[in-house]
């Protein structure tokens, strides 16, 4: 039996860090809003990026690219969770169940829709673009899986070396960018998917142990570092990926994005006092609890909702103004409201797959769990690259240096999910101790 947000909020222990929950919800909400704002479909039905149409707006990504905050909060949560569930298989199952279940439902639904669309020959124009775009946000799920998988060894490194473990990851990011930009070493840049994001994740461990004592210094150093790298180096201004750019700060991550993450983490820690007082209010806390219960579902389906709004407008023959024109800005509030309404409807349909459920401690095979999370990670990252376009034609995309197809990526993700989520088989009762018949 599920509990209402009011009941869950009332049962919150006094020791819970409610500000972390607020940051989790707020960071995902900003990401959703940012995606809705950036999506720019013109009168011809072509999907563009508002930041490419109005390059001056790229500076806003220094405040609105808040994925580092979510990964920082993830590190905090992973540290606490692993200390309460030190077994590797139990830890992964507990942390990833609410992530993988709604994700695999999303994949299954869109896979079926994509297959039907292609069988009907309706995968051209905007629909073809949609089939490629809807899975792009799965990169976030893949990175989060990697963070969970690597939490045990990285937490041990943190407990032994403290800030030194974080410094080692930063040094790795510096070395990767040096080899990439100064020496031209091929493929080395992909290592920064590990070093950059895990460094931000490691800051969550430091927060969990009360070691982020100078957030102003962290924010200032990060902001100055990012500004210097963009001004003097080969790094672009935008902290999100831009179409056609030679160098992206996001794919793969760069040292500039790491500095941006330090700035954001320091900034949100500076706001901990007023943020904590805000979320201590009963009404605000109930809203945060309710939002946390559906945040992953809303994240997975919000891009579908926005593209659905544009598709409906085109289907109804409504005028789509040129992106960034006066008419486009005037129409923006209505599009945002429609996208929010459609997202709410999709959440109402799919949120039950995100519902929390007790995860018993059953032990299990650590190696099998590690294999499972690796397969799920590779499958989900592969699908974020391939999209669902060209299913019947065997469309491929390159994941680092490997060609993958959507069916192969889905198969890997499903196999990984099964290995992570399956409980260990129960051992038979010892002889002489008696047993009880299991009913139902």
Protein backbone atom coordinates (compact mmCIF):
# COMPACT_ATOMS: atom_id res chain seq x y z
CA UNK A 1 0.00 0.00 0.00
CA UNK A 2 1.37 3.42 -0.97
CA UNK A 3 1.51 6.46 1.21
CA UNK A 4 0.40 9.95 0.30
CA UNK A 5 2.85 12.84 0.11
CA UNK A 6 1.27 14.28 3.26
CA UNK A 7 1.84 11.02 5.15
CA UNK A 8 5.41 10.68 3.90
CA UNK A 9 6.14 14.30 4.79
CA UNK A 10 4.72 13.86 8.28
CA UNK A 11 6.84 10.74 8.82
CA UNK A 12 10.11 12.46 7.82
CA UNK A 13 12.74 12.02 10.54
CA UNK A 14 14.21 15.17 12.01
CA UNK A 15 17.70 14.05 10.93
CA UNK A 16 16.88 14.12 7.20
CA UNK A 17 18.65 16.79 5.17
CA UNK A 18 15.61 18.26 3.46
CA UNK A 19 17.66 20.82 1.54
CA UNK A 20 19.21 17.99 -0.50
CA UNK A 21 15.73 16.86 -1.54
CA UNK A 22 14.89 20.42 -2.53
CA UNK A 23 18.04 20.60 -4.67
CA UNK A 24 17.18 17.32 -6.39
CA UNK A 25 13.71 18.52 -7.36
CA UNK A 26 14.80 22.05 -8.26
CA UNK A 27 17.71 20.91 -10.46
CA UNK A 28 15.51 18.57 -12.50
CA UNK A 29 12.83 21.25 -12.79
CA UNK A 30 15.40 23.71 -14.18
CA UNK A 31 16.63 21.09 -16.67
CA UNK A 32 13.07 20.48 -17.86
CA UNK A 33 12.37 24.19 -18.24
CA UNK A 34 15.68 24.68 -20.06
CA UNK A 35 14.87 21.96 -22.58
CA UNK A 36 11.44 23.44 -23.20
CA UNK A 37 12.95 26.87 -23.76
CA UNK A 38 15.70 25.64 -26.08
CA UNK A 39 13.38 23.63 -28.33
CA UNK A 40 12.64 25.86 -31.31
CA UNK A 41 10.53 24.48 -34.15
CA UNK A 42 10.17 26.83 -37.08
CA UNK A 43 7.35 27.30 -39.62
CA UNK A 44 8.89 24.60 -41.82
CA UNK A 45 8.78 22.04 -39.00
CA UNK A 46 12.54 21.93 -38.53
CA UNK A 47 13.71 21.48 -34.95
CA UNK A 48 16.37 23.95 -33.88
CA UNK A 49 18.02 25.28 -30.75
CA UNK A 50 17.14 28.72 -29.44
CA UNK A 51 20.73 29.18 -28.22
CA UNK A 52 21.96 28.79 -31.79
CA UNK A 53 19.38 31.30 -33.05
CA UNK A 54 20.27 33.82 -30.32
CA UNK A 55 23.92 33.14 -29.38
CA UNK A 56 23.83 35.87 -26.70
CA UNK A 57 21.58 33.62 -24.63
CA UNK A 58 24.35 31.05 -24.25
CA UNK A 59 25.63 32.97 -21.25
CA UNK A 60 22.44 31.95 -19.43
CA UNK A 61 23.67 28.35 -19.42
CA UNK A 62 26.13 29.35 -16.69
CA UNK A 63 23.14 29.49 -14.36
CA UNK A 64 20.70 27.10 -16.03
CA UNK A 65 22.97 24.12 -16.79
CA UNK A 66 22.38 22.54 -13.39
CA UNK A 67 23.03 18.84 -14.07
CA UNK A 68 26.18 19.13 -11.90
CA UNK A 69 23.92 19.94 -8.95
CA UNK A 70 21.89 16.78 -9.51
CA UNK A 71 25.03 14.63 -9.69
CA UNK A 72 26.42 16.34 -6.58
CA UNK A 73 23.20 15.50 -4.72
CA UNK A 74 23.47 11.96 -6.10
CA UNK A 75 26.90 11.60 -4.51
CA UNK A 76 25.50 12.70 -1.15
CA UNK A 77 22.67 10.17 -1.39
CA UNK A 78 24.91 7.35 -2.60
CA UNK A 79 27.28 7.84 0.34
CA UNK A 80 24.48 7.56 2.89
CA UNK A 81 22.81 4.66 1.07
CA UNK A 82 25.96 2.59 0.76
CA UNK A 83 26.78 3.01 4.42
CA UNK A 84 23.33 1.68 5.31
CA UNK A 85 23.48 -1.13 2.69
CA UNK A 86 27.15 -2.08 2.29
CA UNK A 87 26.44 -5.18 0.18
CA UNK A 88 27.10 -4.29 -3.47
CA UNK A 89 24.10 -6.08 -4.99
CA UNK A 90 21.70 -4.79 -2.32
CA UNK A 91 23.04 -1.26 -2.67
CA UNK A 92 22.62 -1.22 -6.46
CA UNK A 93 19.13 -2.72 -6.30
CA UNK A 94 17.99 -0.19 -3.72
CA UNK A 95 19.48 2.81 -5.54
CA UNK A 96 18.58 1.90 -9.11
CA UNK A 97 15.13 0.32 -8.89
CA UNK A 98 13.29 3.66 -9.04
CA UNK A 99 15.59 4.79 -11.85
CA UNK A 100 15.59 1.77 -14.13
CA UNK A 101 11.93 0.76 -13.95
CA UNK A 102 10.48 4.02 -15.32
CA UNK A 103 13.37 4.22 -17.79
CA UNK A 104 12.72 0.78 -19.23
CA UNK A 105 8.99 1.52 -19.49
CA UNK A 106 9.87 4.69 -21.41
CA UNK A 107 12.13 2.66 -23.72
CA UNK A 108 9.49 -0.02 -24.26
CA UNK A 109 6.70 2.44 -25.05
CA UNK A 110 8.78 4.52 -27.44
CA UNK A 111 10.25 1.40 -29.06
CA UNK A 112 6.76 0.10 -29.83
CA UNK A 113 5.62 3.50 -31.11
CA UNK A 114 8.72 3.85 -33.30
CA UNK A 115 8.23 0.40 -34.81
CA UNK A 116 4.57 1.11 -35.59
CA UNK A 117 5.42 4.48 -37.13
CA UNK A 118 8.09 2.98 -39.38
CA UNK A 119 5.87 0.08 -40.45
CA UNK A 120 3.29 2.68 -41.49
CA UNK A 121 5.96 4.66 -43.36
CA UNK A 122 5.26 7.78 -41.35
CA UNK A 123 8.78 8.35 -40.03
CA UNK A 124 9.62 11.35 -42.18
CA UNK A 125 9.75 15.05 -41.40
CA UNK A 126 9.23 16.12 -37.80
CA UNK A 127 8.36 12.57 -36.71
CA UNK A 128 11.71 11.29 -37.94
CA UNK A 129 13.45 14.01 -35.91
CA UNK A 130 11.35 13.14 -32.85
CA UNK A 131 12.38 9.48 -33.08
CA UNK A 132 16.02 10.57 -32.97
CA UNK A 133 15.62 13.19 -30.24
CA UNK A 134 13.43 11.59 -27.57
CA UNK A 135 16.16 9.27 -26.31
CA UNK A 136 18.94 11.85 -26.12
CA UNK A 137 18.17 12.68 -22.50
CA UNK A 138 18.97 9.06 -21.55
CA UNK A 139 22.65 10.01 -21.37
CA UNK A 140 21.85 11.35 -17.90
CA UNK A 141 20.53 7.94 -16.80
CA UNK A 142 23.65 6.23 -18.12
CA UNK A 143 25.97 8.58 -16.24
CA UNK A 144 23.97 8.14 -13.05
CA UNK A 145 24.24 4.35 -13.41
CA UNK A 146 28.03 4.68 -13.67
CA UNK A 147 28.10 6.81 -10.53
CA UNK A 148 26.12 4.23 -8.57
CA UNK A 149 28.27 1.38 -9.86
CA UNK A 150 31.50 3.12 -8.85
CA UNK A 151 30.29 4.44 -5.50
CA UNK A 152 31.81 1.67 -3.30
CA UNK A 153 35.45 2.08 -4.45
CA UNK A 154 35.19 5.86 -4.72
CA UNK A 155 33.65 6.10 -1.26
CA UNK A 156 36.51 4.05 0.14
CA UNK A 157 38.97 6.39 -1.58
CA UNK A 158 37.13 9.36 -0.09
CA UNK A 159 37.20 7.86 3.40
CA UNK A 160 40.94 7.30 3.11
CA UNK A 161 42.09 10.40 1.24
CA UNK A 162 39.28 12.98 1.65
CA UNK A 163 39.89 15.94 -0.64
CA UNK A 164 42.81 14.02 -2.15
CA UNK A 165 40.43 11.60 -3.87
CA UNK A 166 38.56 14.54 -5.40
CA UNK A 167 41.88 16.10 -6.40
CA UNK A 168 42.90 12.91 -8.20
CA UNK A 169 39.76 13.03 -10.35
CA UNK A 170 40.35 16.72 -11.13
CA UNK A 171 43.95 15.92 -12.10
CA UNK A 172 42.63 13.23 -14.43
CA UNK A 173 40.30 15.75 -16.10
CA UNK A 174 43.19 18.23 -16.54
CA UNK A 175 45.41 15.55 -18.08
CA UNK A 176 42.69 14.41 -20.48
CA UNK A 177 42.09 17.92 -21.79
CA UNK A 178 45.83 18.51 -22.11
CA UNK A 179 46.23 15.33 -24.16
CA UNK A 180 43.14 16.20 -26.20
CA UNK A 181 43.87 19.82 -27.06
CA UNK A 182 47.67 20.05 -26.81
CA UNK A 183 48.74 16.63 -28.04
CA UNK A 184 45.77 15.71 -30.24
CA UNK A 185 45.48 12.20 -28.78
CA UNK A 186 42.39 10.56 -30.32
CA UNK A 187 39.49 9.26 -28.21
CA UNK A 188 41.11 10.34 -24.93
CA UNK A 189 38.42 13.01 -24.47
CA UNK A 190 35.83 10.34 -23.65
CA UNK A 191 37.63 9.61 -20.38
CA UNK A 192 36.26 12.90 -19.09
CA UNK A 193 32.81 11.38 -18.94
CA UNK A 194 34.39 9.59 -15.99
CA UNK A 195 36.71 12.18 -14.48
CA UNK A 196 34.50 15.27 -14.75
CA UNK A 197 31.20 13.80 -13.61
CA UNK A 198 32.75 11.63 -10.90
CA UNK A 199 34.61 14.64 -9.52
CA UNK A 200 31.29 16.46 -9.12
CA UNK A 201 29.81 13.28 -7.61
CA UNK A 202 32.75 13.09 -5.18
CA UNK A 203 31.81 16.52 -3.83
CA UNK A 204 28.62 14.88 -2.59
CA UNK A 205 30.71 12.51 -0.47
CA UNK A 206 32.55 15.48 0.98
CA UNK A 207 29.24 17.15 1.84
CA UNK A 208 27.95 13.97 3.47
CA UNK A 209 30.90 14.11 5.87
CA UNK A 210 30.68 17.84 6.52
CA UNK A 211 33.87 18.66 4.63
CA UNK A 212 32.52 21.42 2.33
CA UNK A 213 33.31 24.18 4.80
CA UNK A 214 34.26 26.98 2.36
CA UNK A 215 31.58 27.08 -0.34
CA UNK A 216 32.40 30.68 -1.25
CA UNK A 217 35.97 29.66 -2.11
CA UNK A 218 34.70 26.72 -4.15
CA UNK A 219 32.20 28.88 -6.05
CA UNK A 220 34.73 31.65 -6.69
CA UNK A 221 37.46 29.30 -7.87
CA UNK A 222 35.06 27.47 -10.16
CA UNK A 223 33.64 30.63 -11.67
CA UNK A 224 37.06 32.19 -12.25
CA UNK A 225 38.42 28.94 -13.67
CA UNK A 226 35.53 28.52 -16.11
CA UNK A 227 35.78 32.16 -17.20
CA UNK A 228 39.52 31.90 -17.79
CA UNK A 229 39.24 28.66 -19.75
CA UNK A 230 36.50 30.04 -22.00
CA UNK A 231 38.33 33.33 -22.52
CA UNK A 232 41.79 31.86 -23.17
CA UNK A 233 41.28 28.30 -24.31
CA UNK A 234 39.41 26.35 -26.95
CA UNK A 235 36.29 26.05 -24.79
CA UNK A 236 32.94 27.44 -26.01
CA UNK A 237 30.78 29.81 -23.97
CA UNK A 238 27.78 27.49 -23.80
CA UNK A 239 27.71 24.92 -21.00
CA UNK A 240 25.26 22.79 -23.01
CA UNK A 241 25.90 21.13 -26.35
CA UNK A 242 25.29 23.20 -29.47
CA UNK A 243 24.53 21.87 -32.97
CA UNK A 244 27.51 21.84 -35.28
CA UNK A 245 30.06 23.10 -32.77
CA UNK A 246 33.62 21.81 -33.13
CA UNK A 247 34.16 21.58 -29.36
CA UNK A 248 31.40 20.92 -26.85
CA UNK A 249 31.67 21.43 -23.11
CA UNK A 250 29.15 18.63 -22.59
CA UNK A 251 29.81 15.78 -25.01
CA UNK A 252 32.32 14.84 -23.83
CA UNK A 253 32.65 17.01 -20.71
CA UNK A 254 35.56 19.39 -20.44
CA UNK A 255 37.59 20.99 -17.69
CA UNK A 256 35.50 24.13 -18.23
CA UNK A 257 32.35 22.19 -17.39
CA UNK A 258 34.03 20.82 -14.27
CA UNK A 259 34.83 24.38 -13.16
CA UNK A 260 31.22 25.28 -13.90
CA UNK A 261 30.15 22.41 -11.65
CA UNK A 262 32.36 23.68 -8.83
CA UNK A 263 30.82 27.12 -9.15
CA UNK A 264 27.29 25.73 -8.98
CA UNK A 265 27.99 23.43 -6.04
CA UNK A 266 29.57 26.28 -4.10
CA UNK A 267 26.64 28.54 -4.95
CA UNK A 268 23.95 26.10 -3.77
CA UNK A 269 25.91 25.44 -0.58
CA UNK A 270 25.98 29.18 0.09
CA UNK A 271 22.18 29.10 -0.14
CA UNK A 272 21.86 26.20 2.30
CA UNK A 273 20.72 28.40 5.18
CA UNK A 274 17.77 30.11 3.51
CA UNK A 275 17.01 27.00 1.47
CA UNK A 276 16.86 24.89 4.61
CA UNK A 277 14.52 27.35 6.30
CA UNK A 278 12.27 27.37 3.24
CA UNK A 279 11.95 23.60 3.01
CA UNK A 280 11.34 23.35 6.76
CA UNK A 281 7.88 24.82 6.14
CA UNK A 282 5.28 22.07 6.18
CA UNK A 283 3.60 23.08 2.91
CA UNK A 284 6.88 23.42 1.03
CA UNK A 285 8.15 20.10 2.34
CA UNK A 286 4.96 18.32 1.26
CA UNK A 287 5.39 19.76 -2.23
CA UNK A 288 9.02 18.60 -2.35
CA UNK A 289 8.06 15.10 -1.20
CA UNK A 290 5.30 14.91 -3.83
CA UNK A 291 7.64 16.16 -6.58
CA UNK A 292 10.37 13.69 -5.61
CA UNK A 293 7.88 10.87 -6.06
CA UNK A 294 7.40 11.65 -9.75
CA UNK A 295 10.54 13.58 -10.75
CA UNK A 296 12.14 10.79 -12.78
CA UNK A 297 8.94 10.10 -14.70
CA UNK A 298 8.49 13.80 -15.47
CA UNK A 299 12.10 14.06 -16.63
CA UNK A 300 11.80 11.08 -18.96
CA UNK A 301 8.60 12.29 -20.63
CA UNK A 302 8.98 16.09 -20.67
CA UNK A 303 10.70 16.22 -24.06
CA UNK A 304 8.03 13.94 -25.52
CA UNK A 305 5.45 16.41 -24.22
CA UNK A 306 7.09 19.48 -25.77
CA UNK A 307 7.59 17.78 -29.13
CA UNK A 308 3.99 16.59 -28.89
CA UNK A 309 2.84 20.20 -28.47
CA UNK A 310 4.73 21.28 -31.59
CA UNK A 311 3.42 18.26 -33.50
CA UNK A 312 -0.16 19.06 -32.50
CA UNK A 313 0.26 22.65 -33.62
CA UNK A 314 1.54 21.54 -37.01
CA UNK A 315 -1.19 18.93 -37.31
CA UNK A 316 -3.90 21.49 -36.54
CA UNK A 317 -2.47 23.94 -39.04
CA UNK A 318 -1.59 26.53 -36.38
CA UNK A 319 1.06 29.06 -37.26
CA UNK A 320 4.55 28.43 -35.90
CA UNK A 321 6.42 31.74 -35.74
CA UNK A 322 10.10 32.00 -36.59
CA UNK A 323 12.16 31.12 -33.48
CA UNK A 324 13.13 34.15 -31.36
CA UNK A 325 10.75 36.45 -33.26
CA UNK A 326 8.37 38.69 -31.31
CA UNK A 327 5.48 36.34 -32.13
CA UNK A 328 7.54 33.35 -30.95
CA UNK A 329 8.21 34.98 -27.57
CA UNK A 330 4.56 36.01 -27.25
CA UNK A 331 3.46 32.42 -27.89
CA UNK A 332 6.01 30.95 -25.46
CA UNK A 333 3.84 31.01 -22.28
CA UNK A 334 1.07 29.09 -24.05
CA UNK A 335 3.51 26.47 -25.35
CA UNK A 336 5.04 26.05 -21.90
CA UNK A 337 1.61 25.68 -20.32
CA UNK A 338 0.59 23.10 -22.92
CA UNK A 339 3.84 21.16 -22.42
CA UNK A 340 3.34 21.21 -18.64
CA UNK A 341 -0.22 19.93 -19.02
CA UNK A 342 0.81 17.14 -21.40
CA UNK A 343 3.71 16.18 -19.10
CA UNK A 344 1.27 16.00 -16.19
CA UNK A 345 -0.95 13.66 -18.18
CA UNK A 346 1.98 11.42 -19.08
CA UNK A 347 3.12 11.42 -15.44
CA UNK A 348 -0.38 10.41 -14.35
CA UNK A 349 -0.19 7.41 -16.70
CA UNK A 350 3.38 6.28 -15.95
CA UNK A 351 4.22 7.43 -12.41
CA UNK A 352 3.20 4.10 -10.85
CA UNK A 353 6.37 2.58 -12.29
CA UNK A 354 8.39 5.00 -10.15
CA UNK A 355 6.45 4.26 -6.96
CA UNK A 356 8.81 3.40 -4.08
CA UNK A 357 8.66 -0.14 -2.77
CA UNK A 358 10.55 -1.90 0.01
CA UNK A 359 13.75 -3.50 -1.23
CA UNK A 360 14.59 -6.40 1.09
CA UNK A 361 18.17 -7.24 1.92
CA UNK A 362 18.62 -10.51 0.10
CA UNK A 363 22.32 -10.48 -0.58
CA UNK A 364 23.11 -11.57 -4.11
CA UNK A 365 26.07 -11.82 -6.39
CA UNK A 366 28.23 -8.71 -6.53
CA UNK A 367 29.84 -9.72 -9.87
CA UNK A 368 26.41 -10.33 -11.45
CA UNK A 369 25.19 -6.95 -10.19
CA UNK A 370 28.32 -5.29 -11.61
CA UNK A 371 27.76 -7.01 -14.96
CA UNK A 372 24.12 -5.94 -14.90
CA UNK A 373 24.80 -2.29 -14.24
CA UNK A 374 27.52 -2.29 -16.94
CA UNK A 375 25.14 -3.75 -19.52
CA UNK A 376 22.37 -1.33 -18.52
CA UNK A 377 24.80 1.60 -18.70
CA UNK A 378 26.12 0.68 -22.15
CA UNK A 379 22.65 -0.07 -23.48
CA UNK A 380 21.11 3.16 -22.25
CA UNK A 381 24.05 5.29 -23.42
CA UNK A 382 23.94 3.49 -26.78
CA UNK A 383 20.23 4.20 -27.15
CA UNK A 384 20.81 7.87 -26.31
CA UNK A 385 23.12 7.96 -29.33
CA UNK A 386 21.08 5.93 -31.83
CA UNK A 387 17.55 7.12 -31.07
CA UNK A 388 14.64 5.11 -32.47
CA UNK A 389 14.94 6.35 -36.03
CA UNK A 390 15.87 3.80 -38.70
CA UNK A 391 14.93 0.75 -36.64
CA UNK A 392 14.05 -1.31 -39.71
CA UNK A 393 17.02 -0.06 -41.72
CA UNK A 394 19.60 -1.03 -39.08
CA UNK A 395 20.60 2.56 -38.30
CA UNK A 396 23.79 2.70 -36.21
CA UNK A 397 25.55 5.30 -34.10
CA UNK A 398 29.01 5.43 -32.56
CA UNK A 399 29.35 5.02 -28.80
CA UNK A 400 32.96 6.08 -28.19
CA UNK A 401 34.51 3.84 -30.90
CA UNK A 402 31.86 1.12 -31.15
CA UNK A 403 28.98 0.99 -33.64
CA UNK A 404 25.66 0.21 -31.93
CA UNK A 405 22.07 -0.23 -33.09
CA UNK A 406 18.91 0.58 -31.17
CA UNK A 407 17.78 -3.08 -30.89
CA UNK A 408 21.19 -4.12 -29.53
CA UNK A 409 21.15 -1.22 -27.07
CA UNK A 410 17.66 -2.11 -25.85
CA UNK A 411 18.63 -5.76 -25.43
CA UNK A 412 21.70 -4.82 -23.38
CA UNK A 413 19.68 -2.44 -21.20
CA UNK A 414 16.98 -5.05 -20.55
CA UNK A 415 19.52 -7.74 -19.69
CA UNK A 416 21.32 -5.36 -17.35
CA UNK A 417 18.09 -4.32 -15.66
CA UNK A 418 17.20 -7.96 -15.05
CA UNK A 419 20.57 -8.69 -13.46
CA UNK A 420 20.46 -5.61 -11.23
CA UNK A 421 16.82 -5.86 -10.16
CA UNK A 422 16.51 -9.60 -9.60
CA UNK A 423 16.74 -10.62 -5.94
CA UNK A 424 18.99 -13.40 -4.80
CA UNK A 425 17.28 -16.79 -4.55
CA UNK A 426 16.13 -17.62 -1.06
CA UNK A 427 18.09 -20.30 0.72
CA UNK A 428 16.11 -23.29 2.01
CA UNK A 429 15.55 -23.46 5.74
CA UNK A 430 18.19 -25.37 7.64
CA UNK A 431 17.32 -28.98 8.49
CA UNK A 432 15.93 -29.48 11.98
CA UNK A 433 14.73 -25.91 12.34
CA UNK A 434 11.36 -26.57 10.76
CA UNK A 435 9.78 -24.50 8.06
CA UNK A 436 6.58 -22.68 7.30
CA UNK A 437 4.65 -23.16 4.12
CA UNK A 438 4.70 -20.02 1.97
CA UNK A 439 1.18 -19.03 1.06
CA UNK A 440 0.39 -16.98 -2.06
